[in-house]
PDB file of all heavy atoms in Angstrom:
ATOM      1  N   THR A   1       0.837  -1.192   0.000  1.00  0.00           N
ATOM      2  CA  THR A   1       0.000   0.000   0.000  1.00  0.00           C
ATOM      3  C   THR A   1       0.876   1.248   0.000  1.00  0.00           C
ATOM      4  O   THR A   1       0.622   2.209  -0.734  1.00  0.00           O
ATOM      5  CB  THR A   1      -0.942   0.005   1.216  1.00  0.00           C
ATOM      6  OG1 THR A   1      -1.796  -1.134   1.142  1.00  0.00           O
ATOM      7  CG2 THR A   1      -1.780   1.275   1.272  1.00  0.00           C
ATOM      8  N   GLU A   2       1.927   1.239   0.801  1.00  0.00           N
ATOM      9  CA  GLU A   2       2.827   2.390   0.853  1.00  0.00           C
ATOM     10  C   GLU A   2       3.589   2.552  -0.467  1.00  0.00           C
ATOM     11  O   GLU A   2       3.799   3.675  -0.932  1.00  0.00           O
ATOM     12  CB  GLU A   2       3.804   2.264   2.023  1.00  0.00           C
ATOM     13  CG  GLU A   2       4.524   3.550   2.283  1.00  0.00           C
ATOM     14  CD  GLU A   2       5.294   3.570   3.594  1.00  0.00           C
ATOM     15  OE1 GLU A   2       5.188   2.621   4.383  1.00  0.00           O
ATOM     16  OE2 GLU A   2       6.022   4.555   3.802  1.00  0.00           O
ATOM     17  N   ILE A   3       3.981   1.440  -1.086  1.00  0.00           N
ATOM     18  CA  ILE A   3       4.635   1.504  -2.392  1.00  0.00           C
ATOM     19  C   ILE A   3       3.695   2.166  -3.395  1.00  0.00           C
ATOM     20  O   ILE A   3       4.106   3.039  -4.165  1.00  0.00           O
ATOM     21  CB  ILE A   3       5.051   0.095  -2.876  1.00  0.00           C
ATOM     22  CG1 ILE A   3       6.251  -0.404  -2.061  1.00  0.00           C
ATOM     23  CG2 ILE A   3       5.383   0.101  -4.373  1.00  0.00           C
ATOM     24  CD1 ILE A   3       6.610  -1.862  -2.305  1.00  0.00           C
ATOM     25  N   SER A   4       2.436   1.785  -3.365  1.00  0.00           N
ATOM     26  CA  SER A   4       1.447   2.385  -4.268  1.00  0.00           C
ATOM     27  C   SER A   4       1.303   3.877  -4.010  1.00  0.00           C
ATOM     28  O   SER A   4       1.199   4.675  -4.950  1.00  0.00           O
ATOM     29  CB  SER A   4       0.094   1.703  -4.102  1.00  0.00           C
ATOM     30  OG  SER A   4       0.151   0.376  -4.525  1.00  0.00           O
ATOM     31  N   THR A   5       1.288   4.264  -2.746  1.00  0.00           N
ATOM     32  CA  THR A   5       1.152   5.670  -2.383  1.00  0.00           C
ATOM     33  C   THR A   5       2.342   6.484  -2.880  1.00  0.00           C
ATOM     34  O   THR A   5       2.167   7.566  -3.457  1.00  0.00           O
ATOM     35  CB  THR A   5       1.006   5.809  -0.855  1.00  0.00           C
ATOM     36  OG1 THR A   5      -0.142   5.077  -0.435  1.00  0.00           O
ATOM     37  CG2 THR A   5       0.871   7.259  -0.437  1.00  0.00           C
ATOM     38  N   VAL A   6       3.547   5.982  -2.666  1.00  0.00           N
ATOM     39  CA  VAL A   6       4.755   6.687  -3.109  1.00  0.00           C
ATOM     40  C   VAL A   6       4.784   6.764  -4.634  1.00  0.00           C
ATOM     41  O   VAL A   6       5.115   7.803  -5.215  1.00  0.00           O
ATOM     42  CB  VAL A   6       6.031   5.999  -2.563  1.00  0.00           C
ATOM     43  CG1 VAL A   6       7.284   6.595  -3.175  1.00  0.00           C
ATOM     44  CG2 VAL A   6       6.086   6.104  -1.047  1.00  0.00           C
ATOM     45  N   THR A   7       4.404   5.679  -5.286  1.00  0.00           N
ATOM     46  CA  THR A   7       4.380   5.660  -6.748  1.00  0.00           C
ATOM     47  C   THR A   7       3.367   6.658  -7.290  1.00  0.00           C
ATOM     48  O   THR A   7       3.655   7.410  -8.230  1.00  0.00           O
ATOM     49  CB  THR A   7       4.068   4.240  -7.262  1.00  0.00           C
ATOM     50  OG1 THR A   7       5.059   3.335  -6.751  1.00  0.00           O
ATOM     51  CG2 THR A   7       4.062   4.185  -8.775  1.00  0.00           C
ATOM     52  N   ARG A   8       2.187   6.700  -6.690  1.00  0.00           N
ATOM     53  CA  ARG A   8       1.160   7.663  -7.114  1.00  0.00           C
ATOM     54  C   ARG A   8       1.628   9.096  -6.902  1.00  0.00           C
ATOM     55  O   ARG A   8       1.410   9.967  -7.744  1.00  0.00           O
ATOM     56  CB  ARG A   8      -0.143   7.422  -6.351  1.00  0.00           C
ATOM     57  CG  ARG A   8      -1.218   6.791  -7.182  1.00  0.00           C
ATOM     58  CD  ARG A   8      -2.566   6.791  -6.500  1.00  0.00           C
ATOM     59  NE  ARG A   8      -2.524   6.563  -5.067  1.00  0.00           N
ATOM     60  CZ  ARG A   8      -2.635   5.364  -4.486  1.00  0.00           C
ATOM     61  NH1 ARG A   8      -2.797   4.291  -5.199  1.00  0.00           N
ATOM     62  NH2 ARG A   8      -2.579   5.247  -3.184  1.00  0.00           N
ATOM     63  N   ASP A   9       2.258   9.349  -5.758  1.00  0.00           N
ATOM     64  CA  ASP A   9       2.782  10.686  -5.473  1.00  0.00           C
ATOM     65  C   ASP A   9       3.793  11.089  -6.542  1.00  0.00           C
ATOM     66  O   ASP A   9       3.763  12.216  -7.038  1.00  0.00           O
ATOM     67  CB  ASP A   9       3.436  10.718  -4.089  1.00  0.00           C
ATOM     68  CG  ASP A   9       4.091  12.045  -3.785  1.00  0.00           C
ATOM     69  OD1 ASP A   9       3.430  13.093  -3.915  1.00  0.00           O
ATOM     70  OD2 ASP A   9       5.293  12.039  -3.423  1.00  0.00           O
ATOM     71  N   THR A  10       4.653  10.161  -6.914  1.00  0.00           N
ATOM     72  CA  THR A  10       5.649  10.444  -7.940  1.00  0.00           C
ATOM     73  C   THR A  10       4.988  10.699  -9.282  1.00  0.00           C
ATOM     74  O   THR A  10       5.346  11.649  -9.981  1.00  0.00           O
ATOM     75  CB  THR A  10       6.643   9.263  -8.047  1.00  0.00           C
ATOM     76  OG1 THR A  10       7.273   9.072  -6.779  1.00  0.00           O
ATOM     77  CG2 THR A  10       7.702   9.528  -9.102  1.00  0.00           C
ATOM     78  N   GLU A  11       4.015   9.865  -9.640  1.00  0.00           N
ATOM     79  CA  GLU A  11       3.307  10.047 -10.917  1.00  0.00           C
ATOM     80  C   GLU A  11       2.593  11.390 -10.971  1.00  0.00           C
ATOM     81  O   GLU A  11       2.620  12.079 -11.994  1.00  0.00           O
ATOM     82  CB  GLU A  11       2.288   8.937 -11.117  1.00  0.00           C
ATOM     83  CG  GLU A  11       2.903   7.587 -11.402  1.00  0.00           C
ATOM     84  CD  GLU A  11       1.885   6.464 -11.390  1.00  0.00           C
ATOM     85  OE1 GLU A  11       0.730   6.670 -10.944  1.00  0.00           O
ATOM     86  OE2 GLU A  11       2.239   5.355 -11.815  1.00  0.00           O
ATOM     87  N   ASP A  12       1.959  11.778  -9.873  1.00  0.00           N
ATOM     88  CA  ASP A  12       1.173  13.010  -9.838  1.00  0.00           C
ATOM     89  C   ASP A  12       2.020  14.270  -9.727  1.00  0.00           C
ATOM     90  O   ASP A  12       1.724  15.285 -10.348  1.00  0.00           O
ATOM     91  CB  ASP A  12       0.189  12.986  -8.665  1.00  0.00           C
ATOM     92  CG  ASP A  12      -0.896  11.938  -8.826  1.00  0.00           C
ATOM     93  OD1 ASP A  12      -1.085  11.424  -9.957  1.00  0.00           O
ATOM     94  OD2 ASP A  12      -1.560  11.619  -7.811  1.00  0.00           O
ATOM     95  N   ASN A  13       3.069  14.219  -8.910  1.00  0.00           N
ATOM     96  CA  ASN A  13       3.825  15.424  -8.596  1.00  0.00           C
ATOM     97  C   ASN A  13       5.192  15.525  -9.267  1.00  0.00           C
ATOM     98  O   ASN A  13       5.763  16.609  -9.334  1.00  0.00           O
ATOM     99  CB  ASN A  13       3.996  15.541  -7.084  1.00  0.00           C
ATOM    100  CG  ASN A  13       2.660  15.654  -6.390  1.00  0.00           C
ATOM    101  OD1 ASN A  13       1.846  16.504  -6.725  1.00  0.00           O
ATOM    102  ND2 ASN A  13       2.405  14.774  -5.443  1.00  0.00           N
ATOM    103  N   TYR A  14       5.732  14.399  -9.704  1.00  0.00           N
ATOM    104  CA  TYR A  14       7.069  14.394 -10.309  1.00  0.00           C
ATOM    105  C   TYR A  14       7.087  13.461 -11.520  1.00  0.00           C
ATOM    106  O   TYR A  14       7.861  12.509 -11.581  1.00  0.00           O
ATOM    107  CB  TYR A  14       8.121  13.931  -9.298  1.00  0.00           C
ATOM    108  CG  TYR A  14       7.998  14.641  -7.974  1.00  0.00           C
ATOM    109  CD1 TYR A  14       7.366  14.023  -6.890  1.00  0.00           C
ATOM    110  CD2 TYR A  14       8.483  15.935  -7.815  1.00  0.00           C
ATOM    111  CE1 TYR A  14       7.224  14.678  -5.688  1.00  0.00           C
ATOM    112  CE2 TYR A  14       8.334  16.597  -6.610  1.00  0.00           C
ATOM    113  CZ  TYR A  14       7.706  15.962  -5.551  1.00  0.00           C
ATOM    114  OH  TYR A  14       7.560  16.611  -4.358  1.00  0.00           O
ATOM    115  N   PRO A  15       6.216  13.702 -12.508  1.00  0.00           N
ATOM    116  CA  PRO A  15       6.113  12.768 -13.636  1.00  0.00           C
ATOM    117  C   PRO A  15       7.431  12.574 -14.384  1.00  0.00           C
ATOM    118  O   PRO A  15       7.689  11.497 -14.911  1.00  0.00           O
ATOM    119  CB  PRO A  15       5.047  13.397 -14.532  1.00  0.00           C
ATOM    120  CG  PRO A  15       4.958  14.812 -14.110  1.00  0.00           C
ATOM    121  CD  PRO A  15       5.366  14.860 -12.672  1.00  0.00           C
ATOM    122  N   GLU A  16       8.268  13.600 -14.391  1.00  0.00           N
ATOM    123  CA  GLU A  16       9.548  13.479 -15.083  1.00  0.00           C
ATOM    124  C   GLU A  16      10.483  12.480 -14.399  1.00  0.00           C
ATOM    125  O   GLU A  16      11.422  11.971 -15.007  1.00  0.00           O
ATOM    126  CB  GLU A  16      10.228  14.855 -15.214  1.00  0.00           C
ATOM    127  CG  GLU A  16      10.578  15.523 -13.908  1.00  0.00           C
ATOM    128  CD  GLU A  16       9.422  16.252 -13.220  1.00  0.00           C
ATOM    129  OE1 GLU A  16       8.258  16.156 -13.650  1.00  0.00           O
ATOM    130  OE2 GLU A  16       9.694  16.929 -12.223  1.00  0.00           O
ATOM    131  N   LEU A  17      10.225  12.170 -13.158  1.00  0.00           N
ATOM    132  CA  LEU A  17      11.050  11.225 -12.400  1.00  0.00           C
ATOM    133  C   LEU A  17      10.697   9.771 -12.712  1.00  0.00           C
ATOM    134  O   LEU A  17      11.500   8.876 -12.483  1.00  0.00           O
ATOM    135  CB  LEU A  17      10.887  11.498 -10.901  1.00  0.00           C
ATOM    136  CG  LEU A  17      11.731  10.711  -9.927  1.00  0.00           C
ATOM    137  CD1 LEU A  17      13.210  10.903 -10.211  1.00  0.00           C
ATOM    138  CD2 LEU A  17      11.422  11.134  -8.508  1.00  0.00           C
ATOM    139  N   GLN A  18       9.549   9.533 -13.273  1.00  0.00           N
ATOM    140  CA  GLN A  18       9.098   8.168 -13.553  1.00  0.00           C
ATOM    141  C   GLN A  18      10.080   7.381 -14.401  1.00  0.00           C
ATOM    142  O   GLN A  18      10.219   6.182 -14.225  1.00  0.00           O
ATOM    143  CB  GLN A  18       7.739   8.177 -14.232  1.00  0.00           C
ATOM    144  CG  GLN A  18       6.617   8.435 -13.272  1.00  0.00           C
ATOM    145  CD  GLN A  18       5.301   8.347 -13.995  1.00  0.00           C
ATOM    146  OE1 GLN A  18       4.898   9.307 -14.620  1.00  0.00           O
ATOM    147  NE2 GLN A  18       4.663   7.216 -13.914  1.00  0.00           N
ATOM    148  N   ASN A  19      10.774   8.043 -15.303  1.00  0.00           N
ATOM    149  CA  ASN A  19      11.745   7.356 -16.155  1.00  0.00           C
ATOM    150  C   ASN A  19      12.854   6.702 -15.341  1.00  0.00           C
ATOM    151  O   ASN A  19      13.486   5.763 -15.808  1.00  0.00           O
ATOM    152  CB  ASN A  19      12.377   8.330 -17.142  1.00  0.00           C
ATOM    153  CG  ASN A  19      11.374   8.874 -18.119  1.00  0.00           C
ATOM    154  OD1 ASN A  19      10.371   8.233 -18.414  1.00  0.00           O
ATOM    155  ND2 ASN A  19      11.632  10.063 -18.627  1.00  0.00           N
ATOM    156  N   TYR A  20      13.087   7.188 -14.142  1.00  0.00           N
ATOM    157  CA  TYR A  20      14.174   6.682 -13.318  1.00  0.00           C
ATOM    158  C   TYR A  20      13.714   5.684 -12.263  1.00  0.00           C
ATOM    159  O   TYR A  20      14.506   5.231 -11.448  1.00  0.00           O
ATOM    160  CB  TYR A  20      14.889   7.846 -12.623  1.00  0.00           C
ATOM    161  CG  TYR A  20      15.396   8.856 -13.619  1.00  0.00           C
ATOM    162  CD1 TYR A  20      14.722  10.053 -13.811  1.00  0.00           C
ATOM    163  CD2 TYR A  20      16.517   8.593 -14.387  1.00  0.00           C
ATOM    164  CE1 TYR A  20      15.166  10.973 -14.745  1.00  0.00           C
ATOM    165  CE2 TYR A  20      16.974   9.510 -15.319  1.00  0.00           C
ATOM    166  CZ  TYR A  20      16.292  10.691 -15.488  1.00  0.00           C
ATOM    167  OH  TYR A  20      16.733  11.594 -16.413  1.00  0.00           O
ATOM    168  N   LEU A  21      12.440   5.346 -12.267  1.00  0.00           N
ATOM    169  CA  LEU A  21      11.904   4.452 -11.243  1.00  0.00           C
ATOM    170  C   LEU A  21      11.719   3.019 -11.725  1.00  0.00           C
ATOM    171  O   LEU A  21      11.009   2.247 -11.106  1.00  0.00           O
ATOM    172  CB  LEU A  21      10.564   4.990 -10.720  1.00  0.00           C
ATOM    173  CG  LEU A  21      10.622   6.330 -10.025  1.00  0.00           C
ATOM    174  CD1 LEU A  21       9.243   6.704  -9.497  1.00  0.00           C
ATOM    175  CD2 LEU A  21      11.628   6.308  -8.889  1.00  0.00           C
ATOM    176  N   ASP A  22      12.367   2.663 -12.803  1.00  0.00           N
ATOM    177  CA  ASP A  22      12.277   1.286 -13.272  1.00  0.00           C
ATOM    178  C   ASP A  22      12.750   0.342 -12.180  1.00  0.00           C
ATOM    179  O   ASP A  22      13.645   0.684 -11.398  1.00  0.00           O
ATOM    180  CB  ASP A  22      13.151   1.080 -14.508  1.00  0.00           C
ATOM    181  CG  ASP A  22      12.623   1.816 -15.714  1.00  0.00           C
ATOM    182  OD1 ASP A  22      11.404   2.062 -15.765  1.00  0.00           O
ATOM    183  OD2 ASP A  22      13.434   2.136 -16.594  1.00  0.00           O
ATOM    184  N   GLU A  23      12.163  -0.805 -12.158  1.00  0.00           N
ATOM    185  CA  GLU A  23      12.591  -1.790 -11.184  1.00  0.00           C
ATOM    186  C   GLU A  23      14.041  -2.165 -11.458  1.00  0.00           C
ATOM    187  O   GLU A  23      14.442  -2.338 -12.599  1.00  0.00           O
ATOM    188  CB  GLU A  23      11.719  -3.037 -11.255  1.00  0.00           C
ATOM    189  CG  GLU A  23      10.331  -2.806 -10.749  1.00  0.00           C
ATOM    190  CD  GLU A  23       9.518  -4.076 -10.736  1.00  0.00           C
ATOM    191  OE1 GLU A  23       9.794  -4.974 -11.530  1.00  0.00           O
ATOM    192  OE2 GLU A  23       8.600  -4.135  -9.924  1.00  0.00           O
ATOM    193  N   THR A  24      14.790  -2.265 -10.402  1.00  0.00           N
ATOM    194  CA  THR A  24      16.172  -2.672 -10.535  1.00  0.00           C
ATOM    195  C   THR A  24      16.276  -4.161 -10.294  1.00  0.00           C
ATOM    196  O   THR A  24      15.354  -4.795  -9.799  1.00  0.00           O
ATOM    197  CB  THR A  24      17.055  -1.930  -9.502  1.00  0.00           C
ATOM    198  OG1 THR A  24      16.636  -2.319  -8.204  1.00  0.00           O
ATOM    199  CG2 THR A  24      16.954  -0.424  -9.661  1.00  0.00           C
ATOM    200  N   LYS A  25      17.406  -4.696 -10.621  1.00  0.00           N
ATOM    201  CA  LYS A  25      17.617  -6.126 -10.440  1.00  0.00           C
ATOM    202  C   LYS A  25      17.390  -6.528  -8.984  1.00  0.00           C
ATOM    203  O   LYS A  25      16.929  -7.618  -8.696  1.00  0.00           O
ATOM    204  CB  LYS A  25      19.031  -6.488 -10.891  1.00  0.00           C
ATOM    205  CG  LYS A  25      19.218  -7.914 -11.245  1.00  0.00           C
ATOM    206  CD  LYS A  25      20.561  -8.095 -11.923  1.00  0.00           C
ATOM    207  CE  LYS A  25      20.676  -9.506 -12.379  1.00  0.00           C
ATOM    208  NZ  LYS A  25      20.707  -9.738 -13.772  1.00  0.00           N
ATOM    209  N   SER A  26      17.688  -5.653  -8.064  1.00  0.00           N
ATOM    210  CA  SER A  26      17.529  -5.976  -6.647  1.00  0.00           C
ATOM    211  C   SER A  26      16.063  -6.095  -6.231  1.00  0.00           C
ATOM    212  O   SER A  26      15.753  -6.677  -5.201  1.00  0.00           O
ATOM    213  CB  SER A  26      18.222  -4.928  -5.780  1.00  0.00           C
ATOM    214  OG  SER A  26      17.581  -3.680  -5.920  1.00  0.00           O
ATOM    215  N   THR A  27      15.151  -5.551  -7.025  1.00  0.00           N
ATOM    216  CA  THR A  27      13.737  -5.634  -6.652  1.00  0.00           C
ATOM    217  C   THR A  27      13.027  -6.781  -7.346  1.00  0.00           C
ATOM    218  O   THR A  27      11.889  -7.084  -7.023  1.00  0.00           O
ATOM    219  CB  THR A  27      12.987  -4.335  -6.998  1.00  0.00           C
ATOM    220  OG1 THR A  27      13.020  -4.147  -8.408  1.00  0.00           O
ATOM    221  CG2 THR A  27      13.580  -3.146  -6.287  1.00  0.00           C
ATOM    222  N   LEU A  28      13.694  -7.394  -8.301  1.00  0.00           N
ATOM    223  CA  LEU A  28      13.073  -8.494  -9.011  1.00  0.00           C
ATOM    224  C   LEU A  28      13.304  -9.791  -8.253  1.00  0.00           C
ATOM    225  O   LEU A  28      14.372 -10.007  -7.685  1.00  0.00           O
ATOM    226  CB  LEU A  28      13.653  -8.600 -10.427  1.00  0.00           C
ATOM    227  CG  LEU A  28      13.417  -7.382 -11.310  1.00  0.00           C
ATOM    228  CD1 LEU A  28      14.146  -7.552 -12.633  1.00  0.00           C
ATOM    229  CD2 LEU A  28      11.942  -7.176 -11.552  1.00  0.00           C
ATOM    230  N   PRO A  29      12.321 -10.661  -8.227  1.00  0.00           N
ATOM    231  CA  PRO A  29      12.484 -11.918  -7.505  1.00  0.00           C
ATOM    232  C   PRO A  29      13.530 -12.799  -8.167  1.00  0.00           C
ATOM    233  O   PRO A  29      13.694 -12.781  -9.380  1.00  0.00           O
ATOM    234  CB  PRO A  29      11.101 -12.560  -7.577  1.00  0.00           C
ATOM    235  CG  PRO A  29      10.431 -11.925  -8.737  1.00  0.00           C
ATOM    236  CD  PRO A  29      11.025 -10.549  -8.871  1.00  0.00           C
ATOM    237  N   SER A  30      14.233 -13.565  -7.355  1.00  0.00           N
ATOM    238  CA  SER A  30      15.223 -14.474  -7.907  1.00  0.00           C
ATOM    239  C   SER A  30      14.582 -15.835  -8.141  1.00  0.00           C
ATOM    240  O   SER A  30      13.506 -16.125  -7.638  1.00  0.00           O
ATOM    241  CB  SER A  30      16.408 -14.600  -6.951  1.00  0.00           C
ATOM    242  OG  SER A  30      15.956 -15.064  -5.702  1.00  0.00           O
ATOM    243  N   GLY A  31      15.246 -16.642  -8.897  1.00  0.00           N
ATOM    244  CA  GLY A  31      14.716 -17.972  -9.174  1.00  0.00           C
ATOM    245  C   GLY A  31      14.006 -18.013 -10.514  1.00  0.00           C
ATOM    246  O   GLY A  31      13.955 -17.030 -11.243  1.00  0.00           O
ATOM    247  N   SER A  32      13.459 -19.164 -10.822  1.00  0.00           N
ATOM    248  CA  SER A  32      12.751 -19.319 -12.089  1.00  0.00           C
ATOM    249  C   SER A  32      11.411 -18.595 -12.020  1.00  0.00           C
ATOM    250  O   SER A  32      10.925 -18.262 -10.942  1.00  0.00           O
ATOM    251  CB  SER A  32      12.523 -20.793 -12.390  1.00  0.00           C
ATOM    252  OG  SER A  32      11.560 -21.324 -11.503  1.00  0.00           O
TER     253      SER A  32
END
């Protein structure tokens, strides 16, 4: 829920920052 809130805040107030919020390898699950 907090991730959604921060993401929405970024989309609404800092749309130019969205290009830099791609998921990084550290946020992707490991394994198959």
